[in-house]
């Protein structure tokens, strides 16, 4: 038996309990920190070789772990940009220097440039809709950009898609080929007419005239004109002629579309190619009727408010009531979240034992959902921390007694010479 070894063991025990108290202190200090994950101390024995009847005391070592995979309680707020993850996954954020990290702290607010930044200064990252519907880069952060929402930006979206649903009269009189609207003659005739608003590239409204003309049993011609080019008082002829035309064929027995053509494509003046879906049209024994119709696109407008869906899509709603998808927030995950490396600012980086970072979208696979207008509280239980504090204090005192006893025995040995 070594008295020095006994004293070193006591010191080891005091150091271990000091680490335990340090973790407890951190937990109590961050009990109200959004997205904070509780730290706890794991103890491991240090055993020294023992020979014969002599026992050599060892000691204890500590490892600090974090309950990262443990969900905190969601607290609902009145801010749309407050985000929480309900289930697995982490937000991807970027430091001011451009380094990506993971976090569960979703208290984001717009900064002076319109970027969504949390309390620690990390910017929320997402995929932009500028190049179409985004897809996730599974094994990297490429493609992610900072979310920027500014009410100073104006946006106009050209019309590209639309639809009509309704009925074309089965008993309509056929119009001769020489008098069809597609001829754009002054004597042109038609069976029915409707108008619809579309938008050009600059967001200007374009009123389009859509003519439905019966050409025979079950046969219809659909012709689209720009109303701005119509002859005042008579419409026909339109300057420049039709901007789109198509021939529809209906089954005369069922009244449903029977041909391969189910849409008409019109070139909006100053805008894009507009495809109007007509698959919802029927030919039945009643009068002409348009039950529904719409076209996408929007006039110029500033963002009125922002909405975020559970799949992470950020929508901008403009003052004219139109909406537009701007970004899609991904969620990152690892095989062992508790082994992520904890860094200042309540963020995490990939650890040696955490597994590689995988990127996906909310509600897909094992990923959780994104809750807008909510924050995840810390998973710290104050009562549990205070209990641990008392236990650590008792253990620290007991280890100090071991050291004190060893010191007293050393005094006895020293005094033997006197």
Protein backbone atom coordinates (compact mmCIF):
# COMPACT_ATOMS: atom_id res chain seq x y z
CA UNK A 1 0.00 0.00 0.00
CA UNK A 2 1.30 3.44 -0.92
CA UNK A 3 0.25 6.43 1.16
CA UNK A 4 1.20 8.70 -1.74
CA UNK A 5 -0.99 6.56 -4.00
CA UNK A 6 -3.83 6.86 -1.51
CA UNK A 7 -3.51 10.64 -1.50
CA UNK A 8 -3.36 10.76 -5.31
CA UNK A 9 -6.53 8.65 -5.42
CA UNK A 10 -8.26 11.17 -3.15
CA UNK A 11 -7.14 14.00 -5.42
CA UNK A 12 -8.41 12.06 -8.44
CA UNK A 13 -11.79 11.67 -6.77
CA UNK A 14 -11.94 15.37 -5.94
CA UNK A 15 -11.05 16.30 -9.53
CA UNK A 16 -13.76 13.97 -10.85
CA UNK A 17 -16.40 15.47 -8.58
CA UNK A 18 -15.21 18.96 -9.54
CA UNK A 19 -15.84 18.06 -13.19
CA UNK A 20 -19.25 16.78 -12.22
CA UNK A 21 -20.00 20.04 -10.44
CA UNK A 22 -18.75 22.01 -13.45
CA UNK A 23 -21.17 20.15 -15.76
CA UNK A 24 -23.97 20.75 -13.26
CA UNK A 25 -23.11 24.45 -13.10
CA UNK A 26 -23.25 24.67 -16.91
CA UNK A 27 -26.63 22.95 -16.96
CA UNK A 28 -28.13 25.27 -14.36
CA UNK A 29 -26.70 28.35 -16.07
CA UNK A 30 -28.20 27.24 -19.43
CA UNK A 31 -31.52 25.97 -18.12
CA UNK A 32 -33.27 28.74 -20.10
CA UNK A 33 -31.02 28.59 -23.17
CA UNK A 34 -33.00 27.72 -26.31
CA UNK A 35 -32.00 24.33 -27.71
CA UNK A 36 -29.38 23.65 -25.01
CA UNK A 37 -28.63 19.97 -24.35
CA UNK A 38 -27.78 18.81 -20.85
CA UNK A 39 -24.17 17.80 -20.05
CA UNK A 40 -23.48 14.92 -17.69
CA UNK A 41 -20.41 13.18 -16.28
CA UNK A 42 -19.50 9.52 -16.77
CA UNK A 43 -16.93 7.99 -14.40
CA UNK A 44 -14.35 5.31 -15.26
CA UNK A 45 -11.99 3.49 -12.88
CA UNK A 46 -8.20 3.61 -13.10
CA UNK A 47 -6.81 0.34 -11.69
CA UNK A 48 -3.14 0.00 -10.74
CA UNK A 49 -1.31 -3.36 -10.86
CA UNK A 50 -1.46 -5.25 -7.57
CA UNK A 51 1.25 -7.66 -6.39
CA UNK A 52 1.04 -10.13 -3.50
CA UNK A 53 -0.78 -8.74 -0.52
CA UNK A 54 -0.14 -5.11 -1.44
CA UNK A 55 -2.95 -3.13 -2.98
CA UNK A 56 -2.11 -0.06 -5.03
CA UNK A 57 -4.99 2.37 -5.23
CA UNK A 58 -5.75 3.79 -8.64
CA UNK A 59 -8.23 6.54 -9.24
CA UNK A 60 -11.09 7.70 -11.39
CA UNK A 61 -11.36 9.54 -14.69
CA UNK A 62 -14.32 11.40 -16.13
CA UNK A 63 -15.85 11.83 -19.57
CA UNK A 64 -18.31 14.65 -20.25
CA UNK A 65 -21.29 13.59 -22.38
CA UNK A 66 -24.25 15.56 -23.72
CA UNK A 67 -27.89 14.45 -24.05
CA UNK A 68 -28.12 15.87 -27.58
CA UNK A 69 -30.63 13.28 -28.79
CA UNK A 70 -33.05 14.09 -25.96
CA UNK A 71 -35.90 16.33 -27.10
CA UNK A 72 -36.70 19.49 -25.17
CA UNK A 73 -40.24 20.76 -24.61
CA UNK A 74 -41.56 23.06 -27.35
CA UNK A 75 -42.57 26.55 -26.27
CA UNK A 76 -44.84 28.41 -28.70
CA UNK A 77 -44.21 32.05 -29.59
CA UNK A 78 -45.75 34.74 -31.78
CA UNK A 79 -42.79 35.03 -34.20
CA UNK A 80 -42.95 33.13 -37.50
CA UNK A 81 -39.15 33.04 -37.71
CA UNK A 82 -38.87 31.18 -34.39
CA UNK A 83 -38.24 27.58 -35.47
CA UNK A 84 -38.07 24.26 -33.64
CA UNK A 85 -37.41 20.70 -34.75
CA UNK A 86 -40.00 18.23 -33.53
CA UNK A 87 -38.12 14.94 -33.72
CA UNK A 88 -34.73 14.13 -35.23
CA UNK A 89 -32.58 16.62 -37.07
CA UNK A 90 -30.65 19.86 -36.77
CA UNK A 91 -30.79 23.20 -38.52
CA UNK A 92 -27.77 23.99 -40.67
CA UNK A 93 -26.32 27.38 -39.76
CA UNK A 94 -23.28 29.33 -40.86
CA UNK A 95 -20.88 31.37 -38.78
CA UNK A 96 -19.97 34.92 -39.87
CA UNK A 97 -16.77 33.44 -41.32
CA UNK A 98 -18.77 31.03 -43.51
CA UNK A 99 -18.21 27.77 -41.60
CA UNK A 100 -21.28 25.48 -41.43
CA UNK A 101 -22.48 24.01 -38.12
CA UNK A 102 -25.53 22.21 -36.73
CA UNK A 103 -27.88 23.58 -34.07
CA UNK A 104 -31.26 23.13 -32.42
CA UNK A 105 -31.40 26.81 -31.37
CA UNK A 106 -33.97 28.24 -33.76
CA UNK A 107 -34.61 31.73 -32.38
CA UNK A 108 -33.98 33.43 -35.73
CA UNK A 109 -34.60 37.11 -36.42
CA UNK A 110 -33.81 39.18 -39.55
CA UNK A 111 -30.67 41.29 -39.34
CA UNK A 112 -30.08 44.55 -41.18
CA UNK A 113 -29.52 42.71 -44.47
CA UNK A 114 -32.60 40.51 -44.09
CA UNK A 115 -30.63 37.37 -43.14
CA UNK A 116 -32.19 35.13 -40.48
CA UNK A 117 -29.71 35.04 -37.58
CA UNK A 118 -30.06 33.39 -34.16
CA UNK A 119 -28.98 34.81 -30.80
CA UNK A 120 -25.43 33.48 -31.20
CA UNK A 121 -25.00 35.20 -34.58
CA UNK A 122 -25.30 32.09 -36.77
CA UNK A 123 -27.14 32.45 -40.10
CA UNK A 124 -29.84 29.98 -41.12
CA UNK A 125 -28.98 28.06 -44.31
CA UNK A 126 -31.42 26.66 -46.87
CA UNK A 127 -31.86 25.77 -50.54
CA UNK A 128 -33.19 28.49 -52.85
CA UNK A 129 -36.08 28.10 -55.29
CA UNK A 130 -34.34 30.40 -57.80
CA UNK A 131 -33.35 27.42 -59.95
CA UNK A 132 -36.56 25.42 -59.49
CA UNK A 133 -37.66 22.97 -56.82
CA UNK A 134 -34.54 22.25 -54.72
CA UNK A 135 -33.12 18.85 -53.88
CA UNK A 136 -30.90 18.04 -50.92
CA UNK A 137 -27.16 17.35 -51.24
CA UNK A 138 -26.98 14.23 -49.08
CA UNK A 139 -23.30 14.21 -48.17
CA UNK A 140 -22.32 17.87 -48.05
CA UNK A 141 -23.31 21.48 -47.53
CA UNK A 142 -22.95 22.50 -51.18
CA UNK A 143 -25.95 24.31 -52.59
CA UNK A 144 -26.98 25.83 -49.26
CA UNK A 145 -27.28 29.62 -49.11
CA UNK A 146 -28.13 32.03 -46.27
CA UNK A 147 -31.85 32.74 -45.98
CA UNK A 148 -32.40 36.39 -46.89
CA UNK A 149 -35.87 37.93 -46.63
CA UNK A 150 -36.19 41.65 -47.26
CA UNK A 151 -39.39 43.65 -47.61
CA UNK A 152 -37.45 46.10 -49.76
CA UNK A 153 -37.21 43.62 -52.63
CA UNK A 154 -39.92 43.69 -55.26
CA UNK A 155 -40.79 40.60 -57.23
CA UNK A 156 -42.79 39.92 -60.39
CA UNK A 157 -43.46 36.41 -61.67
CA UNK A 158 -44.48 35.77 -65.30
CA UNK A 159 -47.40 33.44 -65.96
CA UNK A 160 -46.44 29.99 -67.21
CA UNK A 161 -49.34 27.72 -66.22
CA UNK A 162 -53.11 27.96 -65.92
CA UNK A 163 -56.28 25.91 -66.18
CA UNK A 164 -59.94 26.00 -67.12
CA UNK A 165 -62.70 23.71 -65.91
CA UNK A 166 -66.26 23.91 -67.19
CA UNK A 167 -68.64 22.82 -69.91
CA UNK A 168 -68.94 23.39 -73.66
CA UNK A 169 -72.50 23.14 -75.01
CA UNK A 170 -73.00 19.83 -76.83
CA UNK A 171 -75.75 21.38 -79.00
CA UNK A 172 -73.62 24.31 -80.20
CA UNK A 173 -73.86 25.15 -83.91
CA UNK A 174 -70.72 24.36 -85.88
CA UNK A 175 -68.86 27.30 -87.40
CA UNK A 176 -67.51 27.12 -90.94
CA UNK A 177 -63.75 26.89 -91.31
CA UNK A 178 -63.58 30.24 -93.12
CA UNK A 179 -65.19 32.01 -90.14
CA UNK A 180 -63.22 30.46 -87.29
CA UNK A 181 -61.52 32.86 -84.82
CA UNK A 182 -58.13 31.45 -85.84
CA UNK A 183 -58.58 33.11 -89.26
CA UNK A 184 -58.72 36.47 -87.46
CA UNK A 185 -61.16 37.74 -90.05
CA UNK A 186 -63.61 40.54 -89.42
CA UNK A 187 -66.42 38.03 -89.99
CA UNK A 188 -65.07 35.54 -87.42
CA UNK A 189 -67.66 33.69 -85.34
CA UNK A 190 -67.41 31.69 -82.13
CA UNK A 191 -69.49 29.52 -79.81
CA UNK A 192 -68.33 30.89 -76.45
CA UNK A 193 -65.82 33.34 -75.04
CA UNK A 194 -63.98 33.81 -71.75
CA UNK A 195 -61.17 36.09 -70.57
CA UNK A 196 -58.36 35.50 -68.13
CA UNK A 197 -55.59 37.66 -66.62
CA UNK A 198 -51.94 36.70 -67.10
CA UNK A 199 -48.67 38.49 -66.22
CA UNK A 200 -45.69 39.31 -68.41
CA UNK A 201 -42.02 39.28 -67.35
CA UNK A 202 -42.31 42.72 -65.73
CA UNK A 203 -45.49 41.85 -63.84
CA UNK A 204 -47.79 43.82 -66.16
CA UNK A 205 -51.32 42.44 -66.38
CA UNK A 206 -52.29 41.01 -69.75
CA UNK A 207 -55.98 40.34 -70.41
CA UNK A 208 -56.34 37.36 -72.71
CA UNK A 209 -59.49 36.53 -74.72
CA UNK A 210 -60.12 32.79 -75.02
CA UNK A 211 -62.58 31.67 -77.72
CA UNK A 212 -64.20 28.21 -77.78
CA UNK A 213 -65.64 27.38 -81.20
CA UNK A 214 -67.50 24.24 -82.27
CA UNK A 215 -66.26 22.88 -85.61
CA UNK A 216 -68.34 19.68 -85.76
CA UNK A 217 -69.61 16.81 -83.58
CA UNK A 218 -67.27 16.61 -80.56
CA UNK A 219 -64.74 18.95 -82.21
CA UNK A 220 -63.76 22.36 -80.81
CA UNK A 221 -61.18 24.99 -81.65
CA UNK A 222 -59.67 26.98 -78.77
CA UNK A 223 -58.08 30.29 -79.77
CA UNK A 224 -56.31 32.83 -77.53
CA UNK A 225 -55.82 36.52 -78.33
CA UNK A 226 -54.27 39.50 -76.56
CA UNK A 227 -57.23 41.78 -75.82
CA UNK A 228 -55.00 44.85 -76.09
CA UNK A 229 -54.65 44.16 -79.82
CA UNK A 230 -58.40 43.86 -80.51
CA UNK A 231 -60.22 46.17 -82.91
CA UNK A 232 -62.22 48.65 -80.80
CA UNK A 233 -65.92 47.85 -80.72
CA UNK A 234 -65.74 44.63 -82.76
CA UNK A 235 -62.70 42.69 -81.43
CA UNK A 236 -61.92 41.04 -84.75
CA UNK A 237 -59.49 41.34 -86.33
CA UNK A 238 -56.79 41.36 -83.63
CA UNK A 239 -53.52 43.01 -84.52
CA UNK A 240 -50.88 40.31 -84.86
CA UNK A 241 -53.41 37.44 -84.89
CA UNK A 242 -53.89 34.69 -82.30
CA UNK A 243 -51.20 34.03 -79.71
CA UNK A 244 -52.27 30.41 -79.22
CA UNK A 245 -54.62 27.83 -80.71
CA UNK A 246 -55.51 24.16 -80.19
CA UNK A 247 -58.10 21.62 -81.38
CA UNK A 248 -60.00 19.57 -78.81
CA UNK A 249 -61.87 16.34 -79.40
CA UNK A 250 -64.64 15.09 -77.09
CA UNK A 251 -66.29 11.69 -76.86
CA UNK A 252 -69.86 12.37 -78.01
CA UNK A 253 -71.13 9.57 -75.75
CA UNK A 254 -69.49 10.48 -72.43
CA UNK A 255 -68.73 14.15 -73.05
CA UNK A 256 -65.14 13.72 -71.88
CA UNK A 257 -61.98 14.72 -73.73
CA UNK A 258 -60.97 11.90 -76.04
CA UNK A 259 -58.09 13.34 -78.05
CA UNK A 260 -54.43 13.63 -77.20
CA UNK A 261 -54.63 17.43 -76.99
CA UNK A 262 -55.74 18.60 -73.52
CA UNK A 263 -54.27 22.09 -73.36
CA UNK A 264 -53.58 25.25 -75.34
CA UNK A 265 -50.27 27.12 -75.26
CA UNK A 266 -50.24 30.88 -75.68
CA UNK A 267 -47.27 33.24 -75.96
CA UNK A 268 -48.02 36.06 -73.52
CA UNK A 269 -46.87 39.36 -75.06
CA UNK A 270 -43.69 40.40 -73.27
CA UNK A 271 -43.92 37.31 -71.13
CA UNK A 272 -43.40 33.57 -71.10
CA UNK A 273 -45.12 30.66 -72.82
CA UNK A 274 -48.40 30.04 -71.00
CA UNK A 275 -49.84 26.51 -70.97
CA UNK A 276 -53.53 26.44 -70.10
CA UNK A 277 -54.72 23.01 -68.99
CA UNK A 278 -58.15 22.16 -70.44
CA UNK A 279 -58.41 18.58 -69.18
CA UNK A 280 -61.18 19.70 -66.83
CA UNK A 281 -63.47 20.75 -69.71
CA UNK A 282 -66.46 18.61 -70.77
CA UNK A 283 -69.04 18.66 -73.54
CA UNK A 284 -72.50 18.04 -72.06
CA UNK A 285 -76.06 18.88 -72.99
CA UNK A 286 -76.21 22.20 -71.18
CA UNK A 287 -74.99 25.71 -71.80
CA UNK A 288 -71.47 27.07 -71.80
CA UNK A 289 -70.07 27.47 -68.29
CA UNK A 290 -66.65 28.10 -66.76
CA UNK A 291 -66.74 26.75 -63.21
CA UNK A 292 -63.14 27.56 -62.37
CA UNK A 293 -60.03 28.98 -63.91
CA UNK A 294 -56.72 30.45 -62.79
CA UNK A 295 -53.26 31.41 -63.99
CA UNK A 296 -50.04 31.59 -61.98
CA UNK A 297 -47.73 34.60 -61.90
CA UNK A 298 -47.92 37.86 -60.00
CA UNK A 299 -47.69 41.60 -60.36
CA UNK A 300 -44.79 43.50 -58.74
CA UNK A 301 -45.15 43.70 -54.99
CA UNK A 302 -43.23 43.77 -51.72
CA UNK A 303 -43.34 41.00 -49.15
CA UNK A 304 -46.16 41.47 -46.67
CA UNK A 305 -45.44 38.49 -44.45
CA UNK A 306 -43.62 35.16 -44.38
CA UNK A 307 -44.98 31.69 -43.77
CA UNK A 308 -42.98 28.52 -43.05
CA UNK A 309 -44.53 25.09 -43.55
CA UNK A 310 -43.76 21.90 -41.61
CA UNK A 311 -41.61 20.62 -44.48
CA UNK A 312 -39.39 23.70 -44.18
CA UNK A 313 -40.60 25.63 -47.23
CA UNK A 314 -40.43 29.40 -46.71
CA UNK A 315 -43.23 31.24 -48.53
CA UNK A 316 -43.41 34.98 -49.13
CA UNK A 317 -46.89 36.46 -49.22
CA UNK A 318 -47.06 39.72 -51.13
CA UNK A 319 -49.39 42.64 -50.57
CA UNK A 320 -51.58 41.58 -53.52
CA UNK A 321 -52.25 38.25 -51.77
CA UNK A 322 -50.04 36.11 -54.01
CA UNK A 323 -47.49 33.71 -52.52
CA UNK A 324 -44.13 32.48 -53.72
CA UNK A 325 -41.81 29.75 -52.44
CA UNK A 326 -38.42 31.28 -51.64
CA UNK A 327 -36.38 28.68 -49.74
CA UNK A 328 -36.58 25.16 -48.37
CA UNK A 329 -34.93 24.57 -45.00
CA UNK A 330 -33.12 21.20 -44.76
CA UNK A 331 -32.45 19.16 -41.65
CA UNK A 332 -29.10 17.52 -40.93
CA UNK A 333 -28.64 14.30 -38.98
CA UNK A 334 -25.92 11.89 -37.85
CA UNK A 335 -26.00 8.28 -36.73
CA UNK A 336 -24.97 9.13 -33.14
CA UNK A 337 -26.06 12.68 -32.20
CA UNK A 338 -24.77 12.34 -28.61
CA UNK A 339 -21.22 12.04 -29.97
CA UNK A 340 -21.28 15.35 -31.86
CA UNK A 341 -18.63 17.87 -30.85
CA UNK A 342 -20.18 20.64 -28.73
CA UNK A 343 -18.95 24.15 -29.55
CA UNK A 344 -19.64 27.64 -28.14
CA UNK A 345 -22.81 29.29 -29.39
CA UNK A 346 -24.94 26.17 -28.89
CA UNK A 347 -23.74 24.62 -32.16
CA UNK A 348 -22.34 21.21 -33.04
CA UNK A 349 -19.74 19.86 -35.43
CA UNK A 350 -19.14 16.33 -36.67
CA UNK A 351 -17.31 14.25 -34.06
CA UNK A 352 -14.98 11.28 -34.47
CA UNK A 353 -17.68 8.87 -33.28
CA UNK A 354 -20.83 10.70 -34.40
CA UNK A 355 -20.90 9.39 -37.95
CA UNK A 356 -21.00 11.54 -41.07
CA UNK A 357 -23.49 14.37 -41.51
CA UNK A 358 -26.43 13.60 -43.79
CA UNK A 359 -28.71 16.28 -45.24
CA UNK A 360 -32.40 15.78 -46.00
CA UNK A 361 -35.76 17.45 -45.69
CA UNK A 362 -38.27 17.49 -42.85
CA UNK A 363 -40.86 14.69 -42.70
CA UNK A 364 -38.68 12.46 -44.89
CA UNK A 365 -37.17 9.25 -43.55
CA UNK A 366 -36.19 9.59 -39.89
CA UNK A 367 -36.17 13.40 -39.99
CA UNK A 368 -38.61 15.29 -37.78
CA UNK A 369 -40.83 18.19 -38.74
CA UNK A 370 -40.16 21.92 -38.57
CA UNK A 371 -42.48 23.92 -36.32
CA UNK A 372 -42.78 27.64 -37.07
CA UNK A 373 -43.64 29.93 -34.16
CA UNK A 374 -42.05 27.68 -31.56
CA UNK A 375 -38.73 27.21 -29.77
CA UNK A 376 -37.23 24.11 -28.17
CA UNK A 377 -36.48 24.60 -24.49
CA UNK A 378 -33.36 23.11 -22.92
CA UNK A 379 -33.70 19.54 -21.67
CA UNK A 380 -32.30 20.49 -18.24
CA UNK A 381 -34.28 19.43 -15.14
CA UNK A 382 -33.35 21.84 -12.33
CA UNK A 383 -34.46 19.39 -9.62
CA UNK A 384 -32.19 16.69 -11.05
CA UNK A 385 -29.27 19.12 -11.28
CA UNK A 386 -29.63 20.24 -7.67
CA UNK A 387 -29.75 16.60 -6.55
CA UNK A 388 -26.56 15.89 -8.52
CA UNK A 389 -24.97 18.96 -6.95
CA UNK A 390 -25.64 17.68 -3.43
CA UNK A 391 -24.34 14.21 -4.32
CA UNK A 392 -21.20 15.67 -5.89
CA UNK A 393 -20.61 17.86 -2.85
CA UNK A 394 -20.86 14.86 -0.52
CA UNK A 395 -18.54 12.79 -2.67
CA UNK A 396 -16.03 15.64 -2.93
CA UNK A 397 -16.02 15.96 0.87
CA UNK A 398 -15.52 12.21 1.28
CA UNK A 399 -12.58 12.22 -1.14
CA UNK A 400 -11.05 15.15 0.71
CA UNK A 401 -11.23 13.07 3.90
CA UNK A 402 -9.27 10.32 2.12
CA UNK A 403 -6.57 12.85 1.26
CA UNK A 404 -6.64 14.27 4.78
CA UNK A 405 -6.31 10.80 6.31
CA UNK A 406 -3.35 10.00 4.07
CA UNK A 407 -1.74 13.28 5.07
CA UNK A 408 -2.21 12.44 8.76
CA UNK A 409 -0.61 9.00 8.27
CA UNK A 410 2.32 10.64 6.53
CA UNK A 411 2.78 12.81 9.60
CA UNK A 412 2.84 9.64 11.75
CA UNK A 413 5.56 8.12 9.55
CA UNK A 414 7.65 11.27 9.65
CA UNK A 415 7.33 11.47 13.47
CA UNK A 416 8.58 7.85 13.90
CA UNK A 417 12.14 9.12 13.49
CA UNK A 418 11.80 11.52 16.42
